[in-house]
Amino acid sequence: MNQLLPRRIIPSKAVVNLYYKHIKPRTITNGILPPVLINIHGLFGSSMMFRSLGRRLARESNYEVYNVDLRNHGQSPQVKPFNYMAMKADLIHFIETHIEPEQSIYLLGFSLGGKVGLLTALDGSINVKKCISIDIPPYETPILDRMITENAEMIRKIHYQEVKILRGRHNWGRKVLDMFKALPINNEKTALYFANGFLQHQPNNEVSTTNPYVEFYLPFQEFPTLFDEIKRWPIEESRNKETAVPTLFMKGIFSTFIKTDYSLLKKSFPNSGIQEFATSHNVLVDDPTHSFECIKNFLQDEAINV
């Protein structure tokens, strides 16, 4: 760790107001409120991840859509703690603040966002009707997928100045993006997903004498247990240990997160099913056509065939 990096004081808050993008439904018939779809991004992502998918589902399925930034992501506050129970509390607060109690709620989460969605469905305090978890299971994941570990290592090298890229200089963003594109695990969209933590961090556009090199938006030095936290499944802290909420797990068969013993998924989610995709962890990027149809069909299916 580079000890010369300036400290950023991170406050502690039990609950924060999440930044979000709101996409209105196509129509509202006879004053009947449509279902609400809440999209929850993965680690180091933001609400931008679901921009296209959210618009399409709002248009084709007439949902009211919210794409949220979790705490310590995007434009939401940077606060401690950085763990699943805090993120779940933020999401429940968001729902209670923005959504009518009688509206049906669908949760769609990718990776870290999938665990947040699953824990929210388990909580039972809000009107969750369906839940989709993209390539993350409801149990501890002690080994992180290569897509996360290799990109996290690249983030670490740039942030801690093992690779020095001067901020505020011409083409600094291109240099950062090219480093992520050079990782064999990445395609262009995945590279941009992880590089955005530098590209969207406004201070990197300005020359600085305090810290002349680009830095990641999140001060890693303030969250030393982050990667241990994201491996966890804090079921012991949950109000309920299982739920009847219909739940779909979408597995990338080249990802290591969801074990092949699918009976483990039903321990907390007995009314769940699994759909496999010939993809990496990044199911939506690798197979956008089939993954979209899978999501759309599951949410629209009144029979709940899982």
C-alpha atoms as a PDB file:
ATOM      1  CA  MET A   1       0.000   0.000   0.000  1.00  0.00           C
ATOM      2  CA  ASN A   2       1.301   3.457  -0.907  1.00  0.00           C
ATOM      3  CA  GLN A   3       1.417   5.403   2.343  1.00  0.00           C
ATOM      4  CA  LEU A   4       1.637   8.713   0.446  1.00  0.00           C
ATOM      5  CA  LEU A   5      -1.971   8.560  -0.705  1.00  0.00           C
ATOM      6  CA  PRO A   6      -3.972  11.318   1.015  1.00  0.00           C
ATOM      7  CA  ARG A   7      -6.568  10.192   3.521  1.00  0.00           C
ATOM      8  CA  ARG A   8     -10.236  10.665   2.783  1.00  0.00           C
ATOM      9  CA  ILE A   9     -12.374  10.737   5.896  1.00  0.00           C
ATOM     10  CA  ILE A  10     -15.308   8.366   5.417  1.00  0.00           C
ATOM     11  CA  PRO A  11     -18.263   8.886   7.798  1.00  0.00           C
ATOM     12  CA  SER A  12     -20.308   6.055   9.294  1.00  0.00           C
ATOM     13  CA  LYS A  13     -24.044   5.945   8.591  1.00  0.00           C
ATOM     14  CA  ALA A  14     -26.573   3.173   9.221  1.00  0.00           C
ATOM     15  CA  VAL A  15     -28.763   4.263   6.289  1.00  0.00           C
ATOM     16  CA  VAL A  16     -28.209   6.602   3.336  1.00  0.00           C
ATOM     17  CA  ASN A  17     -30.368   7.965   0.540  1.00  0.00           C
ATOM     18  CA  LEU A  18     -29.416   6.194  -2.675  1.00  0.00           C
ATOM     19  CA  TYR A  19     -28.898   7.968  -5.972  1.00  0.00           C
ATOM     20  CA  TYR A  20     -31.165   6.562  -8.679  1.00  0.00           C
ATOM     21  CA  LYS A  21     -32.392   6.861 -12.232  1.00  0.00           C
ATOM     22  CA  HIS A  22     -36.162   6.638 -12.685  1.00  0.00           C
ATOM     23  CA  ILE A  23     -37.768   5.339 -15.871  1.00  0.00           C
ATOM     24  CA  LYS A  24     -41.523   5.862 -16.011  1.00  0.00           C
ATOM     25  CA  PRO A  25     -43.852   3.126 -17.280  1.00  0.00           C
ATOM     26  CA  ARG A  26     -45.227   3.413 -20.792  1.00  0.00           C
ATOM     27  CA  THR A  27     -48.808   3.830 -19.570  1.00  0.00           C
ATOM     28  CA  ILE A  28     -50.856   3.880 -16.376  1.00  0.00           C
ATOM     29  CA  THR A  29     -54.332   2.397 -16.911  1.00  0.00           C
ATOM     30  CA  ASN A  30     -57.284   3.517 -14.793  1.00  0.00           C
ATOM     31  CA  GLY A  31     -54.966   4.727 -12.075  1.00  0.00           C
ATOM     32  CA  ILE A  32     -53.596   1.205 -11.486  1.00  0.00           C
ATOM     33  CA  LEU A  33     -49.922   1.402 -10.588  1.00  0.00           C
ATOM     34  CA  PRO A  34     -47.693  -0.999 -12.555  1.00  0.00           C
ATOM     35  CA  PRO A  35     -45.088  -3.249 -10.942  1.00  0.00           C
ATOM     36  CA  VAL A  36     -41.793  -1.653  -9.937  1.00  0.00           C
ATOM     37  CA  LEU A  37     -38.515  -3.149 -11.147  1.00  0.00           C
ATOM     38  CA  ILE A  38     -35.416  -2.224  -9.144  1.00  0.00           C
ATOM     39  CA  ASN A  39     -32.086  -2.975 -10.835  1.00  0.00           C
ATOM     40  CA  ILE A  40     -29.044  -3.425  -8.579  1.00  0.00           C
ATOM     41  CA  HIS A  41     -25.539  -3.330 -10.074  1.00  0.00           C
ATOM     42  CA  GLY A  42     -22.460  -5.335  -9.124  1.00  0.00           C
ATOM     43  CA  LEU A  43     -19.222  -4.462  -7.337  1.00  0.00           C
ATOM     44  CA  PHE A  44     -17.672  -1.165  -8.553  1.00  0.00           C
ATOM     45  CA  GLY A  45     -20.603  -0.661 -10.924  1.00  0.00           C
ATOM     46  CA  SER A  46     -23.378   1.910 -10.979  1.00  0.00           C
ATOM     47  CA  SER A  47     -26.924   2.530 -12.148  1.00  0.00           C
ATOM     48  CA  MET A  48     -25.506   3.034 -15.657  1.00  0.00           C
ATOM     49  CA  MET A  49     -25.157  -0.746 -15.962  1.00  0.00           C
ATOM     50  CA  PHE A  50     -28.906  -1.203 -16.384  1.00  0.00           C
ATOM     51  CA  ARG A  51     -29.638   1.909 -18.451  1.00  0.00           C
ATOM     52  CA  SER A  52     -30.502   0.125 -21.717  1.00  0.00           C
ATOM     53  CA  LEU A  53     -32.104  -2.930 -20.124  1.00  0.00           C
ATOM     54  CA  GLY A  54     -34.224  -0.778 -17.809  1.00  0.00           C
ATOM     55  CA  ARG A  55     -35.534   1.359 -20.659  1.00  0.00           C
ATOM     56  CA  ARG A  56     -36.410  -1.687 -22.715  1.00  0.00           C
ATOM     57  CA  LEU A  57     -38.277  -3.406 -19.864  1.00  0.00           C
ATOM     58  CA  ALA A  58     -40.165  -0.203 -19.079  1.00  0.00           C
ATOM     59  CA  ARG A  59     -41.194   0.051 -22.730  1.00  0.00           C
ATOM     60  CA  GLU A  60     -41.973  -3.595 -23.493  1.00  0.00           C
ATOM     61  CA  SER A  61     -43.348  -4.758 -20.123  1.00  0.00           C
ATOM     62  CA  ASN A  62     -44.702  -1.432 -18.822  1.00  0.00           C
ATOM     63  CA  TYR A  63     -42.777  -1.488 -15.546  1.00  0.00           C
ATOM     64  CA  GLU A  64     -41.828   1.484 -13.450  1.00  0.00           C
ATOM     65  CA  VAL A  65     -38.047   1.101 -13.292  1.00  0.00           C
ATOM     66  CA  TYR A  66     -35.474   2.343 -10.812  1.00  0.00           C
ATOM     67  CA  ASN A  67     -31.748   1.843 -11.414  1.00  0.00           C
ATOM     68  CA  VAL A  68     -29.995   2.521  -8.114  1.00  0.00           C
ATOM     69  CA  ASP A  69     -26.430   3.247  -7.023  1.00  0.00           C
ATOM     70  CA  LEU A  70     -25.594   1.280  -3.881  1.00  0.00           C
ATOM     71  CA  ARG A  71     -23.648   2.980  -1.089  1.00  0.00           C
ATOM     72  CA  ASN A  72     -20.006   3.507  -2.078  1.00  0.00           C
ATOM     73  CA  HIS A  73     -20.914   3.276  -5.761  1.00  0.00           C
ATOM     74  CA  GLY A  74     -21.730   5.797  -8.453  1.00  0.00           C
ATOM     75  CA  GLN A  75     -23.253   8.988  -7.070  1.00  0.00           C
ATOM     76  CA  SER A  76     -24.481   7.539  -3.773  1.00  0.00           C
ATOM     77  CA  PRO A  77     -22.654   8.550  -0.562  1.00  0.00           C
ATOM     78  CA  GLN A  78     -19.328   7.010   0.431  1.00  0.00           C
ATOM     79  CA  VAL A  79     -19.894   5.754   3.962  1.00  0.00           C
ATOM     80  CA  LYS A  80     -19.051   2.972   6.380  1.00  0.00           C
ATOM     81  CA  PRO A  81     -19.870   0.171   6.862  1.00  0.00           C
ATOM     82  CA  PHE A  82     -19.463  -1.417   3.450  1.00  0.00           C
ATOM     83  CA  ASN A  83     -21.353  -4.680   3.946  1.00  0.00           C
ATOM     84  CA  TYR A  84     -24.461  -6.471   2.764  1.00  0.00           C
ATOM     85  CA  MET A  85     -26.697  -5.668   5.714  1.00  0.00           C
ATOM     86  CA  ALA A  86     -26.020  -1.947   5.337  1.00  0.00           C
ATOM     87  CA  MET A  87     -26.721  -2.113   1.606  1.00  0.00           C
ATOM     88  CA  LYS A  88     -29.931  -4.028   2.278  1.00  0.00           C
ATOM     89  CA  ALA A  89     -31.030  -1.403   4.820  1.00  0.00           C
ATOM     90  CA  ASP A  90     -30.375   1.356   2.275  1.00  0.00           C
ATOM     91  CA  LEU A  91     -32.450  -0.445  -0.355  1.00  0.00           C
ATOM     92  CA  ILE A  92     -35.379  -1.014   2.003  1.00  0.00           C
ATOM     93  CA  HIS A  93     -35.239   2.671   2.974  1.00  0.00           C
ATOM     94  CA  PHE A  94     -35.249   3.580  -0.718  1.00  0.00           C
ATOM     95  CA  ILE A  95     -38.300   1.399  -1.359  1.00  0.00           C
ATOM     96  CA  GLU A  96     -40.201   2.766   1.619  1.00  0.00           C
ATOM     97  CA  THR A  97     -39.388   6.318   0.489  1.00  0.00           C
ATOM     98  CA  HIS A  98     -40.136   6.111  -3.243  1.00  0.00           C
ATOM     99  CA  ILE A  99     -42.597   3.274  -3.827  1.00  0.00           C
ATOM    100  CA  GLU A 100     -46.248   2.960  -2.883  1.00  0.00           C
ATOM    101  CA  PRO A 101     -46.919   0.113  -0.407  1.00  0.00           C
ATOM    102  CA  GLU A 102     -49.445  -1.560  -2.728  1.00  0.00           C
ATOM    103  CA  GLN A 103     -47.071  -1.714  -5.699  1.00  0.00           C
ATOM    104  CA  SER A 104     -45.541  -5.075  -6.538  1.00  0.00           C
ATOM    105  CA  ILE A 105     -41.743  -5.019  -6.427  1.00  0.00           C
ATOM    106  CA  TYR A 106     -39.405  -7.024  -8.632  1.00  0.00           C
ATOM    107  CA  LEU A 107     -35.708  -7.104  -7.731  1.00  0.00           C
ATOM    108  CA  LEU A 108     -33.001  -7.749 -10.330  1.00  0.00           C
ATOM    109  CA  GLY A 109     -29.426  -7.871  -9.059  1.00  0.00           C
ATOM    110  CA  PHE A 110     -26.089  -8.719 -10.634  1.00  0.00           C
ATOM    111  CA  SER A 111     -23.241 -10.225  -8.580  1.00  0.00           C
ATOM    112  CA  LEU A 112     -22.920  -8.158  -5.376  1.00  0.00           C
ATOM    113  CA  GLY A 113     -26.270  -6.581  -6.267  1.00  0.00           C
ATOM    114  CA  GLY A 114     -27.763 -10.056  -6.497  1.00  0.00           C
ATOM    115  CA  LYS A 115     -26.912 -10.770  -2.866  1.00  0.00           C
ATOM    116  CA  VAL A 116     -28.372  -7.409  -1.837  1.00  0.00           C
ATOM    117  CA  GLY A 117     -31.577  -8.270  -3.685  1.00  0.00           C
ATOM    118  CA  LEU A 118     -31.771 -11.755  -2.164  1.00  0.00           C
ATOM    119  CA  LEU A 119     -31.307 -10.413   1.369  1.00  0.00           C
ATOM    120  CA  THR A 120     -33.976  -7.781   0.723  1.00  0.00           C
ATOM    121  CA  ALA A 121     -36.404 -10.456  -0.465  1.00  0.00           C
ATOM    122  CA  LEU A 122     -35.627 -12.502   2.654  1.00  0.00           C
ATOM    123  CA  ASP A 123     -36.324  -9.546   4.930  1.00  0.00           C
ATOM    124  CA  GLY A 124     -40.065  -9.799   4.369  1.00  0.00           C
ATOM    125  CA  SER A 125     -40.832  -6.206   5.358  1.00  0.00           C
ATOM    126  CA  ILE A 126     -41.634  -5.004   1.838  1.00  0.00           C
ATOM    127  CA  ASN A 127     -43.779  -6.199  -1.044  1.00  0.00           C
ATOM    128  CA  VAL A 128     -41.224  -8.195  -3.056  1.00  0.00           C
ATOM    129  CA  LYS A 129     -43.078 -10.397  -5.538  1.00  0.00           C
ATOM    130  CA  LYS A 130     -40.158 -11.758  -7.565  1.00  0.00           C
ATOM    131  CA  CYS A 131     -36.380 -11.731  -7.386  1.00  0.00           C
ATOM    132  CA  ILE A 132     -33.668 -12.456  -9.955  1.00  0.00           C
ATOM    133  CA  SER A 133     -30.032 -13.024  -9.003  1.00  0.00           C
ATOM    134  CA  ILE A 134     -27.546 -12.930 -11.856  1.00  0.00           C
ATOM    135  CA  ASP A 135     -24.685 -15.361 -11.230  1.00  0.00           C
ATOM    136  CA  ILE A 136     -24.523 -15.104  -7.456  1.00  0.00           C
ATOM    137  CA  PRO A 137     -25.890 -17.636  -4.935  1.00  0.00           C
ATOM    138  CA  PRO A 138     -27.439 -17.317  -1.461  1.00  0.00           C
ATOM    139  CA  TYR A 139     -24.399 -18.668   0.345  1.00  0.00           C
ATOM    140  CA  GLU A 140     -20.812 -17.702   1.052  1.00  0.00           C
ATOM    141  CA  THR A 141     -18.541 -17.464  -1.989  1.00  0.00           C
ATOM    142  CA  PRO A 142     -15.012 -17.897  -0.578  1.00  0.00           C
ATOM    143  CA  ILE A 143     -13.369 -17.925  -4.013  1.00  0.00           C
ATOM    144  CA  LEU A 144     -14.074 -14.902  -6.172  1.00  0.00           C
ATOM    145  CA  ASP A 145     -14.437 -15.277  -9.919  1.00  0.00           C
ATOM    146  CA  ARG A 146     -11.366 -14.426 -12.030  1.00  0.00           C
ATOM    147  CA  MET A 147     -13.235 -11.560 -13.640  1.00  0.00           C
ATOM    148  CA  ILE A 148     -13.384  -9.827 -10.264  1.00  0.00           C
ATOM    149  CA  THR A 149      -9.944 -10.770  -8.937  1.00  0.00           C
ATOM    150  CA  GLU A 150      -8.004  -9.856 -12.080  1.00  0.00           C
ATOM    151  CA  ASN A 151      -9.783  -6.544 -12.557  1.00  0.00           C
ATOM    152  CA  ALA A 152      -9.494  -5.748  -8.844  1.00  0.00           C
ATOM    153  CA  GLU A 153      -5.747  -6.349  -9.085  1.00  0.00           C
ATOM    154  CA  MET A 154      -5.499  -3.937 -12.014  1.00  0.00           C
ATOM    155  CA  ILE A 155      -7.502  -1.355 -10.051  1.00  0.00           C
ATOM    156  CA  ARG A 156      -5.151  -1.821  -7.099  1.00  0.00           C
ATOM    157  CA  LYS A 157      -2.011  -1.386  -9.216  1.00  0.00           C
ATOM    158  CA  ILE A 158      -3.216   1.888 -10.710  1.00  0.00           C
ATOM    159  CA  HIS A 159      -4.720   3.260  -7.497  1.00  0.00           C
ATOM    160  CA  TYR A 160      -1.625   2.502  -5.422  1.00  0.00           C
ATOM    161  CA  GLN A 161       0.665   3.862  -8.158  1.00  0.00           C
ATOM    162  CA  GLU A 162       2.453   0.652  -9.056  1.00  0.00           C
ATOM    163  CA  VAL A 163       1.423   1.811 -12.508  1.00  0.00           C
ATOM    164  CA  LYS A 164       1.706   5.600 -12.632  1.00  0.00           C
ATOM    165  CA  ILE A 165      -0.709   7.537 -14.844  1.00  0.00           C
ATOM    166  CA  LEU A 166      -0.663  11.307 -14.438  1.00  0.00           C
ATOM    167  CA  ARG A 167      -4.059  12.857 -13.779  1.00  0.00           C
ATOM    168  CA  GLY A 168      -5.296  15.815 -15.787  1.00  0.00           C
ATOM    169  CA  ARG A 169      -3.082  14.936 -18.756  1.00  0.00           C
ATOM    170  CA  HIS A 170      -4.094  14.328 -22.342  1.00  0.00           C
ATOM    171  CA  ASN A 171      -5.352  10.777 -22.956  1.00  0.00           C
ATOM    172  CA  TRP A 172      -5.034   9.657 -19.314  1.00  0.00           C
ATOM    173  CA  GLY A 173      -8.445   7.999 -19.627  1.00  0.00           C
ATOM    174  CA  ARG A 174      -7.424   6.117 -22.758  1.00  0.00           C
ATOM    175  CA  LYS A 175      -4.335   4.810 -20.970  1.00  0.00           C
ATOM    176  CA  VAL A 176      -6.461   3.509 -18.095  1.00  0.00           C
ATOM    177  CA  LEU A 177      -9.025   1.900 -20.378  1.00  0.00           C
ATOM    178  CA  ASP A 178      -6.340   0.258 -22.518  1.00  0.00           C
ATOM    179  CA  MET A 179      -4.886  -1.419 -19.424  1.00  0.00           C
ATOM    180  CA  PHE A 180      -8.222  -3.043 -18.640  1.00  0.00           C
ATOM    181  CA  LYS A 181      -8.764  -3.989 -22.279  1.00  0.00           C
ATOM    182  CA  ALA A 182      -5.386  -5.751 -22.223  1.00  0.00           C
ATOM    183  CA  LEU A 183      -6.591  -8.226 -19.599  1.00  0.00           C
ATOM    184  CA  PRO A 184      -7.466 -11.482 -21.426  1.00  0.00           C
ATOM    185  CA  ILE A 185     -10.478 -12.008 -19.133  1.00  0.00           C
ATOM    186  CA  ASN A 186     -12.131  -8.801 -20.401  1.00  0.00           C
ATOM    187  CA  ASN A 187     -14.117  -7.888 -23.456  1.00  0.00           C
ATOM    188  CA  GLU A 188     -14.627  -4.224 -24.321  1.00  0.00           C
ATOM    189  CA  LYS A 189     -17.740  -3.734 -22.185  1.00  0.00           C
ATOM    190  CA  THR A 190     -16.265  -5.481 -19.148  1.00  0.00           C
ATOM    191  CA  ALA A 191     -13.102  -3.395 -19.443  1.00  0.00           C
ATOM    192  CA  LEU A 192     -15.180  -0.209 -19.459  1.00  0.00           C
ATOM    193  CA  TYR A 193     -17.244  -1.422 -16.482  1.00  0.00           C
ATOM    194  CA  PHE A 194     -14.163  -1.702 -14.264  1.00  0.00           C
ATOM    195  CA  ALA A 195     -12.298   1.276 -15.732  1.00  0.00           C
ATOM    196  CA  ASN A 196     -15.243   3.577 -15.025  1.00  0.00           C
ATOM    197  CA  GLY A 197     -14.182   3.846 -11.388  1.00  0.00           C
ATOM    198  CA  PHE A 198     -11.280   5.927 -12.688  1.00  0.00           C
ATOM    199  CA  LEU A 199     -12.925   7.492 -15.740  1.00  0.00           C
ATOM    200  CA  GLN A 200     -15.942   8.853 -13.846  1.00  0.00           C
ATOM    201  CA  HIS A 201     -13.887  10.167 -10.899  1.00  0.00           C
ATOM    202  CA  GLN A 202     -13.822  13.913 -11.566  1.00  0.00           C
ATOM    203  CA  PRO A 203     -10.565  14.720  -9.658  1.00  0.00           C
ATOM    204  CA  ASN A 204      -8.662  12.631 -12.201  1.00  0.00           C
ATOM    205  CA  ASN A 205      -9.380  15.337 -14.795  1.00  0.00           C
ATOM    206  CA  GLU A 206      -7.486  17.938 -12.777  1.00  0.00           C
ATOM    207  CA  VAL A 207      -3.750  18.341 -12.216  1.00  0.00           C
ATOM    208  CA  SER A 208      -2.845  17.940  -8.535  1.00  0.00           C
ATOM    209  CA  THR A 209       0.357  18.600  -6.616  1.00  0.00           C
ATOM    210  CA  THR A 210      -0.913  16.611  -3.616  1.00  0.00           C
ATOM    211  CA  ASN A 211      -1.405  13.384  -5.557  1.00  0.00           C
ATOM    212  CA  PRO A 212      -0.304  13.737  -9.191  1.00  0.00           C
ATOM    213  CA  TYR A 213      -1.535  10.296 -10.287  1.00  0.00           C
ATOM    214  CA  VAL A 214      -5.013   9.021 -11.101  1.00  0.00           C
ATOM    215  CA  GLU A 215      -6.865   7.316  -8.279  1.00  0.00           C
ATOM    216  CA  PHE A 216      -9.893   5.057  -8.001  1.00  0.00           C
ATOM    217  CA  TYR A 217     -13.139   6.695  -6.926  1.00  0.00           C
ATOM    218  CA  LEU A 218     -13.253   4.519  -3.793  1.00  0.00           C
ATOM    219  CA  PRO A 219     -10.448   4.962  -1.221  1.00  0.00           C
ATOM    220  CA  PHE A 220      -9.485   1.308  -0.737  1.00  0.00           C
ATOM    221  CA  GLN A 221      -7.296   2.169   2.220  1.00  0.00           C
ATOM    222  CA  GLU A 222     -10.465   3.033   4.180  1.00  0.00           C
ATOM    223  CA  PHE A 223     -12.084  -0.363   3.483  1.00  0.00           C
ATOM    224  CA  PRO A 224      -9.393  -2.969   4.266  1.00  0.00           C
ATOM    225  CA  THR A 225     -11.895  -5.849   4.686  1.00  0.00           C
ATOM    226  CA  LEU A 226     -13.904  -5.111   1.536  1.00  0.00           C
ATOM    227  CA  PHE A 227     -13.157  -8.325  -0.344  1.00  0.00           C
ATOM    228  CA  ASP A 228     -13.753 -10.471   2.726  1.00  0.00           C
ATOM    229  CA  GLU A 229     -17.131  -8.767   3.138  1.00  0.00           C
ATOM    230  CA  ILE A 230     -18.309  -9.387  -0.414  1.00  0.00           C
ATOM    231  CA  LYS A 231     -17.608 -13.122  -0.063  1.00  0.00           C
ATOM    232  CA  ARG A 232     -20.011 -13.371   2.886  1.00  0.00           C
ATOM    233  CA  TRP A 233     -23.643 -14.423   3.062  1.00  0.00           C
ATOM    234  CA  PRO A 234     -24.855 -12.939   6.376  1.00  0.00           C
ATOM    235  CA  ILE A 235     -27.887 -15.190   6.757  1.00  0.00           C
ATOM    236  CA  GLU A 236     -27.377 -15.258  10.536  1.00  0.00           C
ATOM    237  CA  GLU A 237     -28.153 -11.521  10.601  1.00  0.00           C
ATOM    238  CA  SER A 238     -31.296 -11.832   8.479  1.00  0.00           C
ATOM    239  CA  ARG A 239     -34.773 -11.541  10.001  1.00  0.00           C
ATOM    240  CA  ASN A 240     -35.831 -14.661   8.080  1.00  0.00           C
ATOM    241  CA  LYS A 241     -33.859 -17.693   6.953  1.00  0.00           C
ATOM    242  CA  GLU A 242     -36.052 -18.531   3.964  1.00  0.00           C
ATOM    243  CA  THR A 243     -38.742 -16.995   1.786  1.00  0.00           C
ATOM    244  CA  ALA A 244     -41.419 -18.192  -0.624  1.00  0.00           C
ATOM    245  CA  VAL A 245     -40.698 -15.301  -3.011  1.00  0.00           C
ATOM    246  CA  PRO A 246     -40.357 -16.784  -6.533  1.00  0.00           C
ATOM    247  CA  THR A 247     -36.688 -16.436  -7.392  1.00  0.00           C
ATOM    248  CA  LEU A 248     -34.647 -17.057 -10.519  1.00  0.00           C
ATOM    249  CA  PHE A 249     -30.913 -17.695 -10.486  1.00  0.00           C
ATOM    250  CA  MET A 250     -29.104 -17.009 -13.775  1.00  0.00           C
ATOM    251  CA  LYS A 251     -25.806 -18.900 -13.936  1.00  0.00           C
ATOM    252  CA  GLY A 252     -22.890 -18.356 -16.283  1.00  0.00           C
ATOM    253  CA  ILE A 253     -21.547 -21.876 -16.756  1.00  0.00           C
ATOM    254  CA  PHE A 254     -17.952 -20.600 -17.059  1.00  0.00           C
ATOM    255  CA  SER A 255     -18.258 -18.739 -13.761  1.00  0.00           C
ATOM    256  CA  THR A 256     -17.341 -20.339 -10.434  1.00  0.00           C
ATOM    257  CA  PHE A 257     -19.841 -18.564  -8.186  1.00  0.00           C
ATOM    258  CA  ILE A 258     -22.917 -20.832  -8.301  1.00  0.00           C
ATOM    259  CA  LYS A 259     -22.062 -24.430  -7.459  1.00  0.00           C
ATOM    260  CA  THR A 260     -23.450 -27.256  -9.580  1.00  0.00           C
ATOM    261  CA  ASP A 261     -25.353 -28.593  -6.560  1.00  0.00           C
ATOM    262  CA  TYR A 262     -28.439 -26.508  -7.252  1.00  0.00           C
ATOM    263  CA  SER A 263     -30.263 -27.905  -4.225  1.00  0.00           C
ATOM    264  CA  LEU A 264     -28.208 -25.436  -2.152  1.00  0.00           C
ATOM    265  CA  LEU A 265     -30.176 -22.594  -3.734  1.00  0.00           C
ATOM    266  CA  LYS A 266     -33.425 -23.908  -2.305  1.00  0.00           C
ATOM    267  CA  LYS A 267     -32.292 -23.844   1.311  1.00  0.00           C
ATOM    268  CA  SER A 268     -33.336 -20.206   1.661  1.00  0.00           C
ATOM    269  CA  PHE A 269     -35.287 -19.899  -1.597  1.00  0.00           C
ATOM    270  CA  PRO A 270     -37.416 -23.056  -1.922  1.00  0.00           C
ATOM    271  CA  ASN A 271     -39.519 -21.505  -4.716  1.00  0.00           C
ATOM    272  CA  SER A 272     -36.537 -20.943  -6.973  1.00  0.00           C
ATOM    273  CA  GLY A 273     -35.225 -22.138 -10.295  1.00  0.00           C
ATOM    274  CA  ILE A 274     -31.995 -21.957 -12.269  1.00  0.00           C
ATOM    275  CA  GLN A 275     -31.274 -20.955 -15.858  1.00  0.00           C
ATOM    276  CA  GLU A 276     -27.856 -21.645 -17.349  1.00  0.00           C
ATOM    277  CA  PHE A 277     -26.067 -19.515 -19.929  1.00  0.00           C
ATOM    278  CA  ALA A 278     -22.924 -20.310 -21.912  1.00  0.00           C
ATOM    279  CA  THR A 279     -21.216 -17.228 -20.507  1.00  0.00           C
ATOM    280  CA  SER A 280     -18.733 -15.926 -17.996  1.00  0.00           C
ATOM    281  CA  HIS A 281     -19.827 -14.199 -14.778  1.00  0.00           C
ATOM    282  CA  ASN A 282     -20.974 -11.239 -16.878  1.00  0.00           C
ATOM    283  CA  VAL A 283     -24.111 -12.920 -18.215  1.00  0.00           C
ATOM    284  CA  LEU A 284     -25.873  -9.796 -19.498  1.00  0.00           C
ATOM    285  CA  VAL A 285     -22.863  -8.670 -21.538  1.00  0.00           C
ATOM    286  CA  ASP A 286     -21.913 -12.086 -22.920  1.00  0.00           C
ATOM    287  CA  ASP A 287     -25.438 -13.095 -23.964  1.00  0.00           C
ATOM    288  CA  PRO A 288     -27.669 -10.010 -24.063  1.00  0.00           C
ATOM    289  CA  THR A 289     -30.387 -11.548 -26.237  1.00  0.00           C
ATOM    290  CA  HIS A 290     -31.142 -14.715 -24.270  1.00  0.00           C
ATOM    291  CA  SER A 291     -30.577 -13.111 -20.867  1.00  0.00           C
ATOM    292  CA  PHE A 292     -33.048 -10.324 -21.645  1.00  0.00           C
ATOM    293  CA  GLU A 293     -35.701 -12.773 -22.818  1.00  0.00           C
ATOM    294  CA  CYS A 294     -35.145 -14.901 -19.709  1.00  0.00           C
ATOM    295  CA  ILE A 295     -35.617 -11.899 -17.416  1.00  0.00           C
ATOM    296  CA  LYS A 296     -38.642 -10.634 -19.315  1.00  0.00           C
ATOM    297  CA  ASN A 297     -40.363 -14.028 -19.398  1.00  0.00           C
ATOM    298  CA  PHE A 298     -39.771 -14.775 -15.716  1.00  0.00           C
ATOM    299  CA  LEU A 299     -41.132 -11.426 -14.590  1.00  0.00           C
ATOM    300  CA  GLN A 300     -44.183 -11.653 -16.859  1.00  0.00           C
ATOM    301  CA  ASP A 301     -45.014 -15.306 -16.188  1.00  0.00           C
ATOM    302  CA  GLU A 302     -48.048 -15.402 -13.919  1.00  0.00           C
ATOM    303  CA  ALA A 303     -47.653 -19.164 -13.439  1.00  0.00           C
ATOM    304  CA  ILE A 304     -44.182 -18.678 -11.916  1.00  0.00           C
ATOM    305  CA  ASN A 305     -42.595 -21.624 -13.688  1.00  0.00           C
ATOM    306  CA  VAL A 306     -39.167 -21.829 -12.065  1.00  0.00           C
END
